[in-house]
């Protein structure tokens, strides 16, 4: 039997809902009474319609040079907020 819950319950109890799905339960999620998603336990093989891509590392923030300030960062943030 498929259980149906509102999206608010999923949001408030996501850990418990995901545990139930991991145990084999199928759960329908509704929004204003209309089913908008169905959570089903994963199978061993991904469905053929699922596109899987490797993660791409971007950013390089660790390579940026560090800067020392002669005043607290909070002062700069306060100045920037005052210009709004």
PDB file of N, CA and C in Angstrom:
ATOM      1  N   UNK A   1       0.835  -1.175   0.000  1.00  0.00           N
ATOM      2  CA  UNK A   1       0.000   0.000   0.000  1.00  0.00           C
ATOM      3  C   UNK A   1       0.889   1.251   0.000  1.00  0.00           C
ATOM      4  N   UNK A   2       0.539   2.225  -0.795  1.00  0.00           N
ATOM      5  CA  UNK A   2       1.304   3.461  -0.919  1.00  0.00           C
ATOM      6  C   UNK A   2       0.770   4.477   0.085  1.00  0.00           C
ATOM      7  N   UNK A   3       1.682   5.069   0.848  1.00  0.00           N
ATOM      8  CA  UNK A   3       1.296   6.095   1.817  1.00  0.00           C
ATOM      9  C   UNK A   3       1.373   7.463   1.139  1.00  0.00           C
ATOM     10  N   UNK A   4       0.466   8.353   1.462  1.00  0.00           N
ATOM     11  CA  UNK A   4       0.453   9.701   0.901  1.00  0.00           C
ATOM     12  C   UNK A   4       0.609  10.704   2.034  1.00  0.00           C
ATOM     13  N   UNK A   5       1.561  11.661   1.850  1.00  0.00           N
ATOM     14  CA  UNK A   5       1.791  12.681   2.861  1.00  0.00           C
ATOM     15  C   UNK A   5       1.891  14.050   2.187  1.00  0.00           C
ATOM     16  N   UNK A   6       1.544  15.114   2.889  1.00  0.00           N
ATOM     17  CA  UNK A   6       1.702  16.455   2.321  1.00  0.00           C
ATOM     18  C   UNK A   6       3.172  16.873   2.323  1.00  0.00           C
ATOM     19  N   UNK A   7       3.528  17.803   1.458  1.00  0.00           N
ATOM     20  CA  UNK A   7       4.931  18.218   1.364  1.00  0.00           C
ATOM     21  C   UNK A   7       5.426  18.799   2.684  1.00  0.00           C
ATOM     22  N   UNK A   8       4.560  19.381   3.467  1.00  0.00           N
ATOM     23  CA  UNK A   8       4.963  19.933   4.766  1.00  0.00           C
ATOM     24  C   UNK A   8       5.493  18.834   5.681  1.00  0.00           C
ATOM     25  N   UNK A   9       4.847  17.668   5.656  1.00  0.00           N
ATOM     26  CA  UNK A   9       5.329  16.553   6.484  1.00  0.00           C
ATOM     27  C   UNK A   9       6.696  16.082   5.996  1.00  0.00           C
ATOM     28  N   UNK A  10       6.888  16.057   4.690  1.00  0.00           N
ATOM     29  CA  UNK A  10       8.204  15.688   4.153  1.00  0.00           C
ATOM     30  C   UNK A  10       9.250  16.686   4.625  1.00  0.00           C
ATOM     31  N   UNK A  11       8.932  17.969   4.556  1.00  0.00           N
ATOM     32  CA  UNK A  11       9.874  19.002   4.974  1.00  0.00           C
ATOM     33  C   UNK A  11      10.188  18.892   6.465  1.00  0.00           C
ATOM     34  N   UNK A  12       9.177  18.693   7.282  1.00  0.00           N
ATOM     35  CA  UNK A  12       9.379  18.668   8.728  1.00  0.00           C
ATOM     36  C   UNK A  12       9.961  17.361   9.243  1.00  0.00           C
ATOM     37  N   UNK A  13       9.728  16.267   8.527  1.00  0.00           N
ATOM     38  CA  UNK A  13      10.173  14.946   8.995  1.00  0.00           C
ATOM     39  C   UNK A  13      10.959  14.209   7.922  1.00  0.00           C
ATOM     40  N   UNK A  14      11.811  14.912   7.197  1.00  0.00           N
ATOM     41  CA  UNK A  14      12.478  14.296   6.050  1.00  0.00           C
ATOM     42  C   UNK A  14      13.313  13.080   6.435  1.00  0.00           C
ATOM     43  N   UNK A  15      13.989  13.116   7.581  1.00  0.00           N
ATOM     44  CA  UNK A  15      14.813  11.966   7.978  1.00  0.00           C
ATOM     45  C   UNK A  15      13.969  10.717   8.169  1.00  0.00           C
ATOM     46  N   UNK A  16      12.857  10.859   8.868  1.00  0.00           N
ATOM     47  CA  UNK A  16      11.992   9.705   9.118  1.00  0.00           C
ATOM     48  C   UNK A  16      11.364   9.200   7.821  1.00  0.00           C
ATOM     49  N   UNK A  17      10.947  10.118   6.960  1.00  0.00           N
ATOM     50  CA  UNK A  17      10.344   9.721   5.678  1.00  0.00           C
ATOM     51  C   UNK A  17      11.367   8.963   4.839  1.00  0.00           C
ATOM     52  N   UNK A  18      12.600   9.476   4.773  1.00  0.00           N
ATOM     53  CA  UNK A  18      13.630   8.792   3.979  1.00  0.00           C
ATOM     54  C   UNK A  18      14.001   7.438   4.567  1.00  0.00           C
ATOM     55  N   UNK A  19      13.973   7.317   5.892  1.00  0.00           N
ATOM     56  CA  UNK A  19      14.213   6.002   6.507  1.00  0.00           C
ATOM     57  C   UNK A  19      13.135   5.011   6.084  1.00  0.00           C
ATOM     58  N   UNK A  20      11.873   5.467   6.063  1.00  0.00           N
ATOM     59  CA  UNK A  20      10.775   4.588   5.636  1.00  0.00           C
ATOM     60  C   UNK A  20      10.949   4.148   4.189  1.00  0.00           C
ATOM     61  N   UNK A  21      11.365   5.070   3.333  1.00  0.00           N
ATOM     62  CA  UNK A  21      11.590   4.731   1.924  1.00  0.00           C
ATOM     63  C   UNK A  21      12.749   3.749   1.810  1.00  0.00           C
ATOM     64  N   UNK A  22      13.819   3.961   2.582  1.00  0.00           N
ATOM     65  CA  UNK A  22      14.967   3.050   2.550  1.00  0.00           C
ATOM     66  C   UNK A  22      14.578   1.646   2.997  1.00  0.00           C
ATOM     67  N   UNK A  23      13.551   1.552   3.855  1.00  0.00           N
ATOM     68  CA  UNK A  23      13.072   0.243   4.310  1.00  0.00           C
ATOM     69  C   UNK A  23      12.138  -0.422   3.311  1.00  0.00           C
ATOM     70  N   UNK A  24      11.847   0.270   2.195  1.00  0.00           N
ATOM     71  CA  UNK A  24      11.044  -0.359   1.160  1.00  0.00           C
ATOM     72  C   UNK A  24       9.678   0.249   0.924  1.00  0.00           C
ATOM     73  N   UNK A  25       9.318   1.274   1.676  1.00  0.00           N
ATOM     74  CA  UNK A  25       8.000   1.884   1.531  1.00  0.00           C
ATOM     75  C   UNK A  25       7.989   2.895   0.377  1.00  0.00           C
ATOM     76  N   UNK A  26       6.906   2.946  -0.353  1.00  0.00           N
ATOM     77  CA  UNK A  26       6.703   3.954  -1.395  1.00  0.00           C
ATOM     78  C   UNK A  26       5.794   5.026  -0.830  1.00  0.00           C
ATOM     79  N   UNK A  27       6.203   6.305  -1.013  1.00  0.00           N
ATOM     80  CA  UNK A  27       5.447   7.412  -0.430  1.00  0.00           C
ATOM     81  C   UNK A  27       5.151   8.452  -1.502  1.00  0.00           C
ATOM     82  N   UNK A  28       3.876   8.836  -1.602  1.00  0.00           N
ATOM     83  CA  UNK A  28       3.471   9.911  -2.517  1.00  0.00           C
ATOM     84  C   UNK A  28       3.495  11.225  -1.746  1.00  0.00           C
ATOM     85  N   UNK A  29       4.010  12.276  -2.380  1.00  0.00           N
ATOM     86  CA  UNK A  29       4.067  13.598  -1.788  1.00  0.00           C
ATOM     87  C   UNK A  29       3.039  14.471  -2.489  1.00  0.00           C
ATOM     88  N   UNK A  30       2.209  15.173  -1.698  1.00  0.00           N
ATOM     89  CA  UNK A  30       1.188  16.026  -2.294  1.00  0.00           C
ATOM     90  C   UNK A  30       1.469  17.492  -2.001  1.00  0.00           C
ATOM     91  N   UNK A  31       0.970  18.332  -2.880  1.00  0.00           N
ATOM     92  CA  UNK A  31       1.006  19.773  -2.693  1.00  0.00           C
ATOM     93  C   UNK A  31      -0.398  20.276  -3.004  1.00  0.00           C
ATOM     94  N   UNK A  32      -1.069  20.824  -2.010  1.00  0.00           N
ATOM     95  CA  UNK A  32      -2.469  21.251  -2.139  1.00  0.00           C
ATOM     96  C   UNK A  32      -3.359  20.102  -2.617  1.00  0.00           C
ATOM     97  N   UNK A  33      -3.090  18.894  -2.104  1.00  0.00           N
ATOM     98  CA  UNK A  33      -3.909  17.742  -2.415  1.00  0.00           C
ATOM     99  C   UNK A  33      -3.584  17.021  -3.709  1.00  0.00           C
ATOM    100  N   UNK A  34      -2.664  17.557  -4.507  1.00  0.00           N
ATOM    101  CA  UNK A  34      -2.293  16.939  -5.784  1.00  0.00           C
ATOM    102  C   UNK A  34      -0.941  16.245  -5.643  1.00  0.00           C
ATOM    103  N   UNK A  35      -0.856  14.995  -6.104  1.00  0.00           N
ATOM    104  CA  UNK A  35       0.403  14.258  -6.036  1.00  0.00           C
ATOM    105  C   UNK A  35       1.415  14.913  -6.976  1.00  0.00           C
ATOM    106  N   UNK A  36       2.562  15.332  -6.398  1.00  0.00           N
ATOM    107  CA  UNK A  36       3.593  16.009  -7.185  1.00  0.00           C
ATOM    108  C   UNK A  36       4.887  15.201  -7.267  1.00  0.00           C
ATOM    109  N   UNK A  37       5.034  14.188  -6.402  1.00  0.00           N
ATOM    110  CA  UNK A  37       6.242  13.361  -6.424  1.00  0.00           C
ATOM    111  C   UNK A  37       5.933  12.019  -5.775  1.00  0.00           C
ATOM    112  N   UNK A  38       6.728  11.034  -6.161  1.00  0.00           N
ATOM    113  CA  UNK A  38       6.619   9.705  -5.565  1.00  0.00           C
ATOM    114  C   UNK A  38       8.018   9.269  -5.171  1.00  0.00           C
ATOM    115  N   UNK A  39       8.195   8.968  -3.887  1.00  0.00           N
ATOM    116  CA  UNK A  39       9.477   8.477  -3.396  1.00  0.00           C
ATOM    117  C   UNK A  39       9.431   6.962  -3.369  1.00  0.00           C
ATOM    118  N   UNK A  40      10.362   6.339  -4.064  1.00  0.00           N
ATOM    119  CA  UNK A  40      10.427   4.884  -4.117  1.00  0.00           C
ATOM    120  C   UNK A  40      11.816   4.434  -3.704  1.00  0.00           C
ATOM    121  N   UNK A  41      11.931   3.246  -3.132  1.00  0.00           N
ATOM    122  CA  UNK A  41      13.252   2.742  -2.761  1.00  0.00           C
ATOM    123  C   UNK A  41      14.118   2.561  -4.009  1.00  0.00           C
ATOM    124  N   UNK A  42      15.423   2.793  -3.878  1.00  0.00           N
ATOM    125  CA  UNK A  42      16.297   2.621  -5.041  1.00  0.00           C
ATOM    126  C   UNK A  42      16.457   1.150  -5.395  1.00  0.00           C
ATOM    127  N   UNK A  43      16.706   0.916  -6.663  1.00  0.00           N
ATOM    128  CA  UNK A  43      17.019  -0.437  -7.116  1.00  0.00           C
ATOM    129  C   UNK A  43      18.529  -0.540  -7.241  1.00  0.00           C
ATOM    130  N   UNK A  44      19.028  -1.760  -7.453  1.00  0.00           N
ATOM    131  CA  UNK A  44      20.473  -1.941  -7.598  1.00  0.00           C
ATOM    132  C   UNK A  44      20.994  -1.271  -8.864  1.00  0.00           C
ATOM    133  N   UNK A  45      20.221  -1.340  -9.927  1.00  0.00           N
ATOM    134  CA  UNK A  45      20.642  -0.739 -11.194  1.00  0.00           C
ATOM    135  C   UNK A  45      19.861   0.552 -11.413  1.00  0.00           C
ATOM    136  N   UNK A  46      20.553   1.630 -11.795  1.00  0.00           N
ATOM    137  CA  UNK A  46      19.819   2.872 -12.053  1.00  0.00           C
ATOM    138  C   UNK A  46      18.932   2.720 -13.286  1.00  0.00           C
ATOM    139  N   UNK A  47      17.799   3.393 -13.307  1.00  0.00           N
ATOM    140  CA  UNK A  47      16.938   3.313 -14.481  1.00  0.00           C
ATOM    141  C   UNK A  47      17.654   3.858 -15.711  1.00  0.00           C
ATOM    142  N   UNK A  48      17.286   3.328 -16.871  1.00  0.00           N
ATOM    143  CA  UNK A  48      17.969   3.729 -18.103  1.00  0.00           C
ATOM    144  C   UNK A  48      17.697   5.184 -18.454  1.00  0.00           C
ATOM    145  N   UNK A  49      16.652   5.778 -17.890  1.00  0.00           N
ATOM    146  CA  UNK A  49      16.350   7.172 -18.200  1.00  0.00           C
ATOM    147  C   UNK A  49      17.127   8.143 -17.304  1.00  0.00           C
ATOM    148  N   UNK A  50      17.829   7.615 -16.302  1.00  0.00           N
ATOM    149  CA  UNK A  50      18.575   8.457 -15.391  1.00  0.00           C
ATOM    150  C   UNK A  50      19.922   8.817 -15.981  1.00  0.00           C
ATOM    151  N   UNK A  51      20.197  10.123 -16.072  1.00  0.00           N
ATOM    152  CA  UNK A  51      21.490  10.586 -16.572  1.00  0.00           C
ATOM    153  C   UNK A  51      22.438  10.761 -15.399  1.00  0.00           C
ATOM    154  N   UNK A  52      23.586  10.130 -15.472  1.00  0.00           N
ATOM    155  CA  UNK A  52      24.576  10.223 -14.397  1.00  0.00           C
ATOM    156  C   UNK A  52      25.822  10.885 -14.953  1.00  0.00           C
ATOM    157  N   UNK A  53      26.269  11.965 -14.291  1.00  0.00           N
ATOM    158  CA  UNK A  53      27.493  12.650 -14.699  1.00  0.00           C
ATOM    159  C   UNK A  53      28.444  12.703 -13.508  1.00  0.00           C
ATOM    160  N   UNK A  54      29.721  12.714 -13.819  1.00  0.00           N
ATOM    161  CA  UNK A  54      30.713  12.866 -12.765  1.00  0.00           C
ATOM    162  C   UNK A  54      30.727  14.316 -12.292  1.00  0.00           C
ATOM    163  N   UNK A  55      31.040  14.513 -11.024  1.00  0.00           N
ATOM    164  CA  UNK A  55      31.121  15.862 -10.473  1.00  0.00           C
ATOM    165  C   UNK A  55      32.328  16.583 -11.063  1.00  0.00           C
ATOM    166  N   UNK A  56      32.173  17.875 -11.278  1.00  0.00           N
ATOM    167  CA  UNK A  56      33.249  18.708 -11.788  1.00  0.00           C
ATOM    168  C   UNK A  56      33.699  19.637 -10.666  1.00  0.00           C
ATOM    169  N   UNK A  57      34.997  19.637 -10.403  1.00  0.00           N
ATOM    170  CA  UNK A  57      35.527  20.512  -9.362  1.00  0.00           C
ATOM    171  C   UNK A  57      35.813  21.866  -9.987  1.00  0.00           C
ATOM    172  N   UNK A  58      35.213  22.907  -9.404  1.00  0.00           N
ATOM    173  CA  UNK A  58      35.407  24.262  -9.896  1.00  0.00           C
ATOM    174  C   UNK A  58      35.790  25.156  -8.741  1.00  0.00           C
ATOM    175  N   UNK A  59      36.210  26.339  -9.066  1.00  0.00           N
ATOM    176  CA  UNK A  59      36.473  27.314  -8.015  1.00  0.00           C
ATOM    177  C   UNK A  59      37.933  27.664  -7.915  1.00  0.00           C
ATOM    178  N   UNK A  60      38.720  26.821  -7.307  1.00  0.00           N
ATOM    179  CA  UNK A  60      40.129  27.115  -7.095  1.00  0.00           C
ATOM    180  C   UNK A  60      40.347  28.140  -5.995  1.00  0.00           C
ATOM    181  N   UNK A  61      39.403  28.251  -5.062  1.00  0.00           N
ATOM    182  CA  UNK A  61      39.519  29.253  -4.012  1.00  0.00           C
ATOM    183  C   UNK A  61      40.729  29.024  -3.119  1.00  0.00           C
ATOM    184  N   UNK A  62      41.153  27.791  -2.976  1.00  0.00           N
ATOM    185  CA  UNK A  62      42.310  27.508  -2.133  1.00  0.00           C
ATOM    186  C   UNK A  62      43.579  28.114  -2.709  1.00  0.00           C
ATOM    187  N   UNK A  63      43.604  28.387  -4.009  1.00  0.00           N
ATOM    188  CA  UNK A  63      44.791  28.952  -4.647  1.00  0.00           C
ATOM    189  C   UNK A  63      44.868  30.472  -4.545  1.00  0.00           C
ATOM    190  N   UNK A  64      43.804  31.121  -4.055  1.00  0.00           N
ATOM    191  CA  UNK A  64      43.805  32.577  -3.939  1.00  0.00           C
ATOM    192  C   UNK A  64      44.741  33.024  -2.819  1.00  0.00           C
ATOM    193  N   UNK A  65      45.397  34.177  -3.028  1.00  0.00           N
ATOM    194  CA  UNK A  65      46.282  34.721  -1.998  1.00  0.00           C
ATOM    195  C   UNK A  65      45.449  35.293  -0.857  1.00  0.00           C
ATOM    196  N   UNK A  66      45.911  35.084   0.358  1.00  0.00           N
ATOM    197  CA  UNK A  66      45.217  35.631   1.525  1.00  0.00           C
ATOM    198  C   UNK A  66      45.590  37.097   1.701  1.00  0.00           C
ATOM    199  N   UNK A  67      44.657  37.871   2.216  1.00  0.00           N
ATOM    200  CA  UNK A  67      44.866  39.294   2.419  1.00  0.00           C
ATOM    201  C   UNK A  67      44.690  39.626   3.888  1.00  0.00           C
ATOM    202  N   UNK A  68      45.582  40.433   4.421  1.00  0.00           N
ATOM    203  CA  UNK A  68      45.471  40.900   5.803  1.00  0.00           C
ATOM    204  C   UNK A  68      44.817  42.273   5.792  1.00  0.00           C
ATOM    205  N   UNK A  69      43.832  42.479   6.650  1.00  0.00           N
ATOM    206  CA  UNK A  69      43.155  43.762   6.757  1.00  0.00           C
ATOM    207  C   UNK A  69      43.645  44.501   8.007  1.00  0.00           C
ATOM    208  N   UNK A  70      43.630  45.825   7.948  1.00  0.00           N
ATOM    209  CA  UNK A  70      44.050  46.618   9.100  1.00  0.00           C
ATOM    210  C   UNK A  70      42.860  47.013   9.978  1.00  0.00           C
ATOM    211  N   UNK A  71      41.679  46.456   9.669  1.00  0.00           N
ATOM    212  CA  UNK A  71      40.480  46.726  10.445  1.00  0.00           C
ATOM    213  C   UNK A  71      39.589  45.479  10.401  1.00  0.00           C
ATOM    214  N   UNK A  72      38.656  45.374  11.342  1.00  0.00           N
ATOM    215  CA  UNK A  72      37.774  44.196  11.347  1.00  0.00           C
ATOM    216  C   UNK A  72      36.883  44.145  10.102  1.00  0.00           C
ATOM    217  N   UNK A  73      36.610  42.968   9.642  1.00  0.00           N
ATOM    218  CA  UNK A  73      35.745  42.768   8.479  1.00  0.00           C
ATOM    219  C   UNK A  73      34.354  43.348   8.751  1.00  0.00           C
ATOM    220  N   UNK A  74      33.919  43.285   9.999  1.00  0.00           N
ATOM    221  CA  UNK A  74      32.593  43.794  10.343  1.00  0.00           C
ATOM    222  C   UNK A  74      32.452  45.274   9.976  1.00  0.00           C
ATOM    223  N   UNK A  75      33.522  46.048  10.116  1.00  0.00           N
ATOM    224  CA  UNK A  75      33.472  47.467   9.741  1.00  0.00           C
ATOM    225  C   UNK A  75      33.184  47.628   8.250  1.00  0.00           C
ATOM    226  N   UNK A  76      33.841  46.831   7.437  1.00  0.00           N
ATOM    227  CA  UNK A  76      33.617  46.891   5.992  1.00  0.00           C
ATOM    228  C   UNK A  76      32.189  46.487   5.659  1.00  0.00           C
ATOM    229  N   UNK A  77      31.696  45.429   6.299  1.00  0.00           N
ATOM    230  CA  UNK A  77      30.319  44.998   6.051  1.00  0.00           C
ATOM    231  C   UNK A  77      29.321  46.081   6.460  1.00  0.00           C
ATOM    232  N   UNK A  78      29.569  46.716   7.600  1.00  0.00           N
ATOM    233  CA  UNK A  78      28.678  47.793   8.039  1.00  0.00           C
ATOM    234  C   UNK A  78      28.685  48.941   7.043  1.00  0.00           C
ATOM    235  N   UNK A  79      29.863  49.292   6.516  1.00  0.00           N
ATOM    236  CA  UNK A  79      29.952  50.371   5.517  1.00  0.00           C
ATOM    237  C   UNK A  79      29.173  50.003   4.269  1.00  0.00           C
ATOM    238  N   UNK A  80      29.331  48.759   3.812  1.00  0.00           N
ATOM    239  CA  UNK A  80      28.627  48.341   2.595  1.00  0.00           C
ATOM    240  C   UNK A  80      27.115  48.344   2.803  1.00  0.00           C
ATOM    241  N   UNK A  81      26.667  47.915   3.959  1.00  0.00           N
ATOM    242  CA  UNK A  81      25.225  47.889   4.233  1.00  0.00           C
ATOM    243  C   UNK A  81      24.650  49.297   4.322  1.00  0.00           C
ATOM    244  N   UNK A  82      25.470  50.259   4.785  1.00  0.00           N
ATOM    245  CA  UNK A  82      25.006  51.622   4.916  1.00  0.00           C
ATOM    246  C   UNK A  82      24.775  52.298   3.589  1.00  0.00           C
ATOM    247  N   UNK A  83      25.377  51.756   2.502  1.00  0.00           N
ATOM    248  CA  UNK A  83      25.249  52.358   1.188  1.00  0.00           C
ATOM    249  C   UNK A  83      23.969  51.919   0.491  1.00  0.00           C
ATOM    250  N   UNK A  84      23.228  51.012   1.055  1.00  0.00           N
ATOM    251  CA  UNK A  84      22.023  50.497   0.386  1.00  0.00           C
ATOM    252  C   UNK A  84      20.947  51.502   0.352  1.00  0.00           C
TER     253      UNK A  84
END
